[in-house]
Each structure stands twice: as C-alpha cells, then as structure tokens.
Amino acid sequence: MKHWPLKRVILLSLGLAMGALAGYAYWFFIGCNQGSCLITSRASNSTLYGLVMGGLLAGSVWDYINKENKVEDKS
C-alpha cells in the first residue's frame, strides 16, 4: 500500500502527457483554418484542452481502479 501515491502520480502524469499530445495532434492534423473555432484555432488552446481532458480521464481511471481494489479487499 505504500506505493499507491506514486502510482497515482504516474497515472496522472501519463494521462496529462497523453492528453496534451492528443490535443496538439488534433490541432496539427485537423485544426481550424478560419480561426473561428475557440479550442482548435490555436495550438496552445487545443493542447491545454487535451491536457485537462487527459487529467480528468486519468482521475476517472484511478477512481475505477481504487473502487475495484476495495471490492476485492472486502471479499
């Protein structure tokens, strides 16, 4: 149980990095040429949006894993 905080930091870091990379890739490959799109008009906006979404997804995965471990410990 001592390694849970380290695992949480690693999972969150991976989620943030993958989200930021996905946001940048979305801007690079799909993007918005006219500049009227709020999220995809600039690389920084798209990368930050991906960063936030990756962090939220990693947090959800962490909660799901923790919930599954608690169920297994009780039985």
PDB file of N, CA and C in Angstrom:
ATOM      1  N   MET A   1       0.798  -1.197   0.000  1.00  0.00           N
ATOM      2  CA  MET A   1       0.000   0.000   0.000  1.00  0.00           C
ATOM      3  C   MET A   1       0.843   1.264   0.000  1.00  0.00           C
ATOM      4  N   LYS A   2       2.125   1.187   0.284  1.00  0.00           N
ATOM      5  CA  LYS A   2       2.975   2.363   0.332  1.00  0.00           C
ATOM      6  C   LYS A   2       3.171   2.983  -1.048  1.00  0.00           C
ATOM      7  N   HIS A   3       3.009   2.214  -2.103  1.00  0.00           N
ATOM      8  CA  HIS A   3       3.302   2.689  -3.443  1.00  0.00           C
ATOM      9  C   HIS A   3       2.094   3.308  -4.136  1.00  0.00           C
ATOM     10  N   TRP A   4       0.938   3.334  -3.497  1.00  0.00           N
ATOM     11  CA  TRP A   4      -0.249   3.894  -4.144  1.00  0.00           C
ATOM     12  C   TRP A   4      -0.090   5.358  -4.523  1.00  0.00           C
ATOM     13  N   PRO A   5       0.451   6.226  -3.666  1.00  0.00           N
ATOM     14  CA  PRO A   5       0.598   7.619  -4.108  1.00  0.00           C
ATOM     15  C   PRO A   5       1.522   7.754  -5.320  1.00  0.00           C
ATOM     16  N   LEU A   6       2.588   6.983  -5.374  1.00  0.00           N
ATOM     17  CA  LEU A   6       3.486   7.034  -6.519  1.00  0.00           C
ATOM     18  C   LEU A   6       2.770   6.563  -7.780  1.00  0.00           C
ATOM     19  N   LYS A   7       1.984   5.501  -7.661  1.00  0.00           N
ATOM     20  CA  LYS A   7       1.236   5.006  -8.816  1.00  0.00           C
ATOM     21  C   LYS A   7       0.220   6.034  -9.288  1.00  0.00           C
ATOM     22  N   ARG A   8      -0.383   6.748  -8.342  1.00  0.00           N
ATOM     23  CA  ARG A   8      -1.363   7.768  -8.712  1.00  0.00           C
ATOM     24  C   ARG A   8      -0.689   8.914  -9.465  1.00  0.00           C
ATOM     25  N   VAL A   9       0.479   9.324  -9.002  1.00  0.00           N
ATOM     26  CA  VAL A   9       1.215  10.400  -9.669  1.00  0.00           C
ATOM     27  C   VAL A   9       1.632   9.960 -11.069  1.00  0.00           C
ATOM     28  N   ILE A  10       2.082   8.738 -11.207  1.00  0.00           N
ATOM     29  CA  ILE A  10       2.495   8.230 -12.513  1.00  0.00           C
ATOM     30  C   ILE A  10       1.305   8.167 -13.458  1.00  0.00           C
ATOM     31  N   LEU A  11       0.170   7.648 -12.983  1.00  0.00           N
ATOM     32  CA  LEU A  11      -1.025   7.551 -13.824  1.00  0.00           C
ATOM     33  C   LEU A  11      -1.498   8.940 -14.242  1.00  0.00           C
ATOM     34  N   LEU A  12      -1.519   9.874 -13.312  1.00  0.00           N
ATOM     35  CA  LEU A  12      -1.953  11.226 -13.636  1.00  0.00           C
ATOM     36  C   LEU A  12      -0.987  11.892 -14.616  1.00  0.00           C
ATOM     37  N   SER A  13       0.308  11.698 -14.430  1.00  0.00           N
ATOM     38  CA  SER A  13       1.297  12.275 -15.344  1.00  0.00           C
ATOM     39  C   SER A  13       1.152  11.710 -16.751  1.00  0.00           C
ATOM     40  N   LEU A  14       0.939  10.408 -16.843  1.00  0.00           N
ATOM     41  CA  LEU A  14       0.734   9.802 -18.162  1.00  0.00           C
ATOM     42  C   LEU A  14      -0.537  10.325 -18.817  1.00  0.00           C
ATOM     43  N   GLY A  15      -1.599  10.461 -18.032  1.00  0.00           N
ATOM     44  CA  GLY A  15      -2.843  10.985 -18.569  1.00  0.00           C
ATOM     45  C   GLY A  15      -2.699  12.414 -19.072  1.00  0.00           C
ATOM     46  N   LEU A  16      -2.001  13.241 -18.295  1.00  0.00           N
ATOM     47  CA  LEU A  16      -1.782  14.626 -18.705  1.00  0.00           C
ATOM     48  C   LEU A  16      -0.935  14.704 -19.973  1.00  0.00           C
ATOM     49  N   ALA A  17       0.135  13.919 -20.007  1.00  0.00           N
ATOM     50  CA  ALA A  17       1.024  13.943 -21.172  1.00  0.00           C
ATOM     51  C   ALA A  17       0.311  13.431 -22.425  1.00  0.00           C
ATOM     52  N   MET A  18      -0.415  12.352 -22.292  1.00  0.00           N
ATOM     53  CA  MET A  18      -1.120  11.797 -23.452  1.00  0.00           C
ATOM     54  C   MET A  18      -2.228  12.735 -23.917  1.00  0.00           C
ATOM     55  N   GLY A  19      -2.916  13.371 -22.975  1.00  0.00           N
ATOM     56  CA  GLY A  19      -3.957  14.316 -23.339  1.00  0.00           C
ATOM     57  C   GLY A  19      -3.399  15.526 -24.064  1.00  0.00           C
ATOM     58  N   ALA A  20      -2.286  16.060 -23.551  1.00  0.00           N
ATOM     59  CA  ALA A  20      -1.659  17.208 -24.205  1.00  0.00           C
ATOM     60  C   ALA A  20      -1.183  16.843 -25.606  1.00  0.00           C
ATOM     61  N   LEU A  21      -0.592  15.668 -25.738  1.00  0.00           N
ATOM     62  CA  LEU A  21      -0.135  15.215 -27.049  1.00  0.00           C
ATOM     63  C   LEU A  21      -1.311  15.026 -28.005  1.00  0.00           C
ATOM     64  N   ALA A  22      -2.397  14.461 -27.514  1.00  0.00           N
ATOM     65  CA  ALA A  22      -3.585  14.265 -28.354  1.00  0.00           C
ATOM     66  C   ALA A  22      -4.189  15.612 -28.759  1.00  0.00           C
ATOM     67  N   GLY A  23      -4.218  16.569 -27.846  1.00  0.00           N
ATOM     68  CA  GLY A  23      -4.732  17.890 -28.183  1.00  0.00           C
ATOM     69  C   GLY A  23      -3.894  18.586 -29.239  1.00  0.00           C
ATOM     70  N   TYR A  24      -2.594  18.497 -29.102  1.00  0.00           N
ATOM     71  CA  TYR A  24      -1.709  19.097 -30.098  1.00  0.00           C
ATOM     72  C   TYR A  24      -1.855  18.389 -31.447  1.00  0.00           C
ATOM     73  N   ALA A  25      -1.925  17.073 -31.409  1.00  0.00           N
ATOM     74  CA  ALA A  25      -2.085  16.316 -32.660  1.00  0.00           C
ATOM     75  C   ALA A  25      -3.406  16.671 -33.338  1.00  0.00           C
ATOM     76  N   TYR A  26      -4.450  16.869 -32.548  1.00  0.00           N
ATOM     77  CA  TYR A  26      -5.734  17.260 -33.125  1.00  0.00           C
ATOM     78  C   TYR A  26      -5.603  18.617 -33.816  1.00  0.00           C
ATOM     79  N   TRP A  27      -4.949  19.559 -33.165  1.00  0.00           N
ATOM     80  CA  TRP A  27      -4.756  20.879 -33.779  1.00  0.00           C
ATOM     81  C   TRP A  27      -3.911  20.755 -35.047  1.00  0.00           C
ATOM     82  N   PHE A  28      -2.869  19.954 -34.993  1.00  0.00           N
ATOM     83  CA  PHE A  28      -1.941  19.836 -36.113  1.00  0.00           C
ATOM     84  C   PHE A  28      -2.596  19.181 -37.328  1.00  0.00           C
ATOM     85  N   PHE A  29      -3.317  18.092 -37.129  1.00  0.00           N
ATOM     86  CA  PHE A  29      -3.870  17.333 -38.240  1.00  0.00           C
ATOM     87  C   PHE A  29      -5.263  17.790 -38.665  1.00  0.00           C
ATOM     88  N   ILE A  30      -6.083  18.233 -37.734  1.00  0.00           N
ATOM     89  CA  ILE A  30      -7.464  18.598 -38.068  1.00  0.00           C
ATOM     90  C   ILE A  30      -7.645  20.112 -37.970  1.00  0.00           C
ATOM     91  N   GLY A  31      -7.443  20.659 -36.781  1.00  0.00           N
ATOM     92  CA  GLY A  31      -7.443  22.107 -36.562  1.00  0.00           C
ATOM     93  C   GLY A  31      -8.583  22.880 -37.191  1.00  0.00           C
ATOM     94  N   CYS A  32      -8.450  24.180 -37.140  1.00  0.00           N
ATOM     95  CA  CYS A  32      -9.450  25.083 -37.686  1.00  0.00           C
ATOM     96  C   CYS A  32      -8.720  26.165 -38.474  1.00  0.00           C
ATOM     97  N   ASN A  33      -8.944  26.228 -39.761  1.00  0.00           N
ATOM     98  CA  ASN A  33      -8.226  27.167 -40.622  1.00  0.00           C
ATOM     99  C   ASN A  33      -8.741  28.596 -40.528  1.00  0.00           C
ATOM    100  N   GLN A  34     -10.018  28.784 -40.242  1.00  0.00           N
ATOM    101  CA  GLN A  34     -10.598  30.124 -40.251  1.00  0.00           C
ATOM    102  C   GLN A  34     -10.272  30.911 -38.983  1.00  0.00           C
ATOM    103  N   GLY A  35      -9.950  30.254 -37.893  1.00  0.00           N
ATOM    104  CA  GLY A  35      -9.682  30.937 -36.637  1.00  0.00           C
ATOM    105  C   GLY A  35     -10.929  31.215 -35.820  1.00  0.00           C
ATOM    106  N   SER A  36     -12.073  30.709 -36.268  1.00  0.00           N
ATOM    107  CA  SER A  36     -13.318  30.958 -35.545  1.00  0.00           C
ATOM    108  C   SER A  36     -13.620  29.881 -34.500  1.00  0.00           C
ATOM    109  N   CYS A  37     -12.876  28.818 -34.502  1.00  0.00           N
ATOM    110  CA  CYS A  37     -13.070  27.748 -33.520  1.00  0.00           C
ATOM    111  C   CYS A  37     -12.314  28.120 -32.247  1.00  0.00           C
ATOM    112  N   LEU A  38     -12.986  28.099 -31.122  1.00  0.00           N
ATOM    113  CA  LEU A  38     -12.358  28.527 -29.881  1.00  0.00           C
ATOM    114  C   LEU A  38     -11.243  27.595 -29.425  1.00  0.00           C
ATOM    115  N   ILE A  39     -11.468  26.297 -29.526  1.00  0.00           N
ATOM    116  CA  ILE A  39     -10.493  25.353 -28.987  1.00  0.00           C
ATOM    117  C   ILE A  39      -9.392  25.043 -29.995  1.00  0.00           C
ATOM    118  N   THR A  40      -9.747  24.825 -31.234  1.00  0.00           N
ATOM    119  CA  THR A  40      -8.760  24.344 -32.199  1.00  0.00           C
ATOM    120  C   THR A  40      -8.130  25.435 -33.052  1.00  0.00           C
ATOM    121  N   SER A  41      -8.403  26.706 -32.773  1.00  0.00           N
ATOM    122  CA  SER A  41      -7.823  27.761 -33.604  1.00  0.00           C
ATOM    123  C   SER A  41      -6.347  27.990 -33.294  1.00  0.00           C
ATOM    124  N   ARG A  42      -5.922  27.724 -32.056  1.00  0.00           N
ATOM    125  CA  ARG A  42      -4.519  27.902 -31.659  1.00  0.00           C
ATOM    126  C   ARG A  42      -4.007  26.612 -31.031  1.00  0.00           C
ATOM    127  N   ALA A  43      -2.731  26.352 -31.211  1.00  0.00           N
ATOM    128  CA  ALA A  43      -2.133  25.129 -30.671  1.00  0.00           C
ATOM    129  C   ALA A  43      -2.185  25.112 -29.151  1.00  0.00           C
ATOM    130  N   SER A  44      -1.987  26.263 -28.527  1.00  0.00           N
ATOM    131  CA  SER A  44      -1.980  26.307 -27.060  1.00  0.00           C
ATOM    132  C   SER A  44      -3.366  25.977 -26.499  1.00  0.00           C
ATOM    133  N   ASN A  45      -4.425  26.484 -27.119  1.00  0.00           N
ATOM    134  CA  ASN A  45      -5.778  26.175 -26.654  1.00  0.00           C
ATOM    135  C   ASN A  45      -6.071  24.688 -26.766  1.00  0.00           C
ATOM    136  N   SER A  46      -5.745  24.127 -27.900  1.00  0.00           N
ATOM    137  CA  SER A  46      -6.012  22.715 -28.138  1.00  0.00           C
ATOM    138  C   SER A  46      -5.189  21.826 -27.209  1.00  0.00           C
ATOM    139  N   THR A  47      -3.938  22.194 -26.978  1.00  0.00           N
ATOM    140  CA  THR A  47      -3.072  21.415 -26.092  1.00  0.00           C
ATOM    141  C   THR A  47      -3.557  21.489 -24.650  1.00  0.00           C
ATOM    142  N   LEU A  48      -3.943  22.674 -24.195  1.00  0.00           N
ATOM    143  CA  LEU A  48      -4.468  22.808 -22.830  1.00  0.00           C
ATOM    144  C   LEU A  48      -5.770  22.048 -22.649  1.00  0.00           C
ATOM    145  N   TYR A  49      -6.640  22.080 -23.643  1.00  0.00           N
ATOM    146  CA  TYR A  49      -7.893  21.335 -23.578  1.00  0.00           C
ATOM    147  C   TYR A  49      -7.598  19.838 -23.485  1.00  0.00           C
ATOM    148  N   GLY A  50      -6.675  19.343 -24.294  1.00  0.00           N
ATOM    149  CA  GLY A  50      -6.288  17.935 -24.232  1.00  0.00           C
ATOM    150  C   GLY A  50      -5.668  17.583 -22.897  1.00  0.00           C
ATOM    151  N   LEU A  51      -4.881  18.491 -22.340  1.00  0.00           N
ATOM    152  CA  LEU A  51      -4.257  18.283 -21.033  1.00  0.00           C
ATOM    153  C   LEU A  51      -5.329  18.102 -19.956  1.00  0.00           C
ATOM    154  N   VAL A  52      -6.323  18.971 -19.959  1.00  0.00           N
ATOM    155  CA  VAL A  52      -7.400  18.887 -18.969  1.00  0.00           C
ATOM    156  C   VAL A  52      -8.194  17.588 -19.151  1.00  0.00           C
ATOM    157  N   MET A  53      -8.529  17.258 -20.383  1.00  0.00           N
ATOM    158  CA  MET A  53      -9.303  16.037 -20.637  1.00  0.00           C
ATOM    159  C   MET A  53      -8.502  14.782 -20.259  1.00  0.00           C
ATOM    160  N   GLY A  54      -7.218  14.787 -20.529  1.00  0.00           N
ATOM    161  CA  GLY A  54      -6.372  13.665 -20.141  1.00  0.00           C
ATOM    162  C   GLY A  54      -6.289  13.516 -18.631  1.00  0.00           C
ATOM    163  N   GLY A  55      -6.190  14.637 -17.917  1.00  0.00           N
ATOM    164  CA  GLY A  55      -6.170  14.600 -16.458  1.00  0.00           C
ATOM    165  C   GLY A  55      -7.482  14.088 -15.882  1.00  0.00           C
ATOM    166  N   LEU A  56      -8.593  14.539 -16.442  1.00  0.00           N
ATOM    167  CA  LEU A  56      -9.897  14.062 -15.979  1.00  0.00           C
ATOM    168  C   LEU A  56     -10.075  12.565 -16.243  1.00  0.00           C
ATOM    169  N   LEU A  57      -9.641  12.123 -17.404  1.00  0.00           N
ATOM    170  CA  LEU A  57      -9.746  10.699 -17.731  1.00  0.00           C
ATOM    171  C   LEU A  57      -8.857   9.864 -16.814  1.00  0.00           C
ATOM    172  N   ALA A  58      -7.649  10.326 -16.546  1.00  0.00           N
ATOM    173  CA  ALA A  58      -6.742   9.603 -15.648  1.00  0.00           C
ATOM    174  C   ALA A  58      -7.319   9.547 -14.235  1.00  0.00           C
ATOM    175  N   GLY A  59      -7.936  10.626 -13.785  1.00  0.00           N
ATOM    176  CA  GLY A  59      -8.577  10.625 -12.469  1.00  0.00           C
ATOM    177  C   GLY A  59      -9.727   9.649 -12.401  1.00  0.00           C
ATOM    178  N   SER A  60     -10.497   9.548 -13.472  1.00  0.00           N
ATOM    179  CA  SER A  60     -11.601   8.589 -13.519  1.00  0.00           C
ATOM    180  C   SER A  60     -11.082   7.154 -13.501  1.00  0.00           C
ATOM    181  N   VAL A  61     -10.013   6.915 -14.242  1.00  0.00           N
ATOM    182  CA  VAL A  61      -9.411   5.580 -14.253  1.00  0.00           C
ATOM    183  C   VAL A  61      -8.889   5.237 -12.858  1.00  0.00           C
ATOM    184  N   TRP A  62      -8.264   6.196 -12.190  1.00  0.00           N
ATOM    185  CA  TRP A  62      -7.751   5.963 -10.835  1.00  0.00           C
ATOM    186  C   TRP A  62      -8.887   5.601  -9.883  1.00  0.00           C
ATOM    187  N   ASP A  63      -9.993   6.347  -9.961  1.00  0.00           N
ATOM    188  CA  ASP A  63     -11.140   6.051  -9.099  1.00  0.00           C
ATOM    189  C   ASP A  63     -11.705   4.667  -9.385  1.00  0.00           C
ATOM    190  N   TYR A  64     -11.768   4.295 -10.653  1.00  0.00           N
ATOM    191  CA  TYR A  64     -12.286   2.977 -11.024  1.00  0.00           C
ATOM    192  C   TYR A  64     -11.375   1.873 -10.492  1.00  0.00           C
ATOM    193  N   ILE A  65     -10.069   2.048 -10.634  1.00  0.00           N
ATOM    194  CA  ILE A  65      -9.124   1.044 -10.138  1.00  0.00           C
ATOM    195  C   ILE A  65      -9.215   0.936  -8.620  1.00  0.00           C
ATOM    196  N   ASN A  66      -9.294   2.068  -7.947  1.00  0.00           N
ATOM    197  CA  ASN A  66      -9.406   2.066  -6.483  1.00  0.00           C
ATOM    198  C   ASN A  66     -10.686   1.384  -6.025  1.00  0.00           C
ATOM    199  N   LYS A  67     -11.780   1.643  -6.716  1.00  0.00           N
ATOM    200  CA  LYS A  67     -13.060   1.037  -6.373  1.00  0.00           C
ATOM    201  C   LYS A  67     -12.990  -0.474  -6.543  1.00  0.00           C
ATOM    202  N   GLU A  68     -12.380  -0.930  -7.623  1.00  0.00           N
ATOM    203  CA  GLU A  68     -12.244  -2.357  -7.864  1.00  0.00           C
ATOM    204  C   GLU A  68     -11.384  -3.015  -6.786  1.00  0.00           C
ATOM    205  N   ASN A  69     -10.320  -2.359  -6.339  1.00  0.00           N
ATOM    206  CA  ASN A  69      -9.460  -2.921  -5.301  1.00  0.00           C
ATOM    207  C   ASN A  69     -10.172  -2.996  -3.964  1.00  0.00           C
ATOM    208  N   LYS A  70     -10.994  -2.021  -3.655  1.00  0.00           N
ATOM    209  CA  LYS A  70     -11.737  -2.032  -2.398  1.00  0.00           C
ATOM    210  C   LYS A  70     -12.755  -3.155  -2.373  1.00  0.00           C
ATOM    211  N   VAL A  71     -13.379  -3.429  -3.524  1.00  0.00           N
ATOM    212  CA  VAL A  71     -14.355  -4.516  -3.610  1.00  0.00           C
ATOM    213  C   VAL A  71     -13.643  -5.861  -3.397  1.00  0.00           C
ATOM    214  N   GLU A  72     -12.464  -6.018  -3.995  1.00  0.00           N
ATOM    215  CA  GLU A  72     -11.716  -7.253  -3.849  1.00  0.00           C
ATOM    216  C   GLU A  72     -11.228  -7.456  -2.426  1.00  0.00           C
ATOM    217  N   ASP A  73     -10.860  -6.365  -1.718  1.00  0.00           N
ATOM    218  CA  ASP A  73     -10.378  -6.471  -0.349  1.00  0.00           C
ATOM    219  C   ASP A  73     -11.474  -6.902   0.613  1.00  0.00           C
ATOM    220  N   LYS A  74     -12.711  -6.514   0.359  1.00  0.00           N
ATOM    221  CA  LYS A  74     -13.810  -6.843   1.245  1.00  0.00           C
ATOM    222  C   LYS A  74     -14.233  -8.298   1.146  1.00  0.00           C
ATOM    223  N   SER A  75     -14.031  -8.913  -0.015  1.00  0.00           N
ATOM    224  CA  SER A  75     -14.488 -10.304  -0.161  1.00  0.00           C
ATOM    225  C   SER A  75     -13.440 -11.312   0.243  1.00  0.00           C
TER     226      SER A  75
END
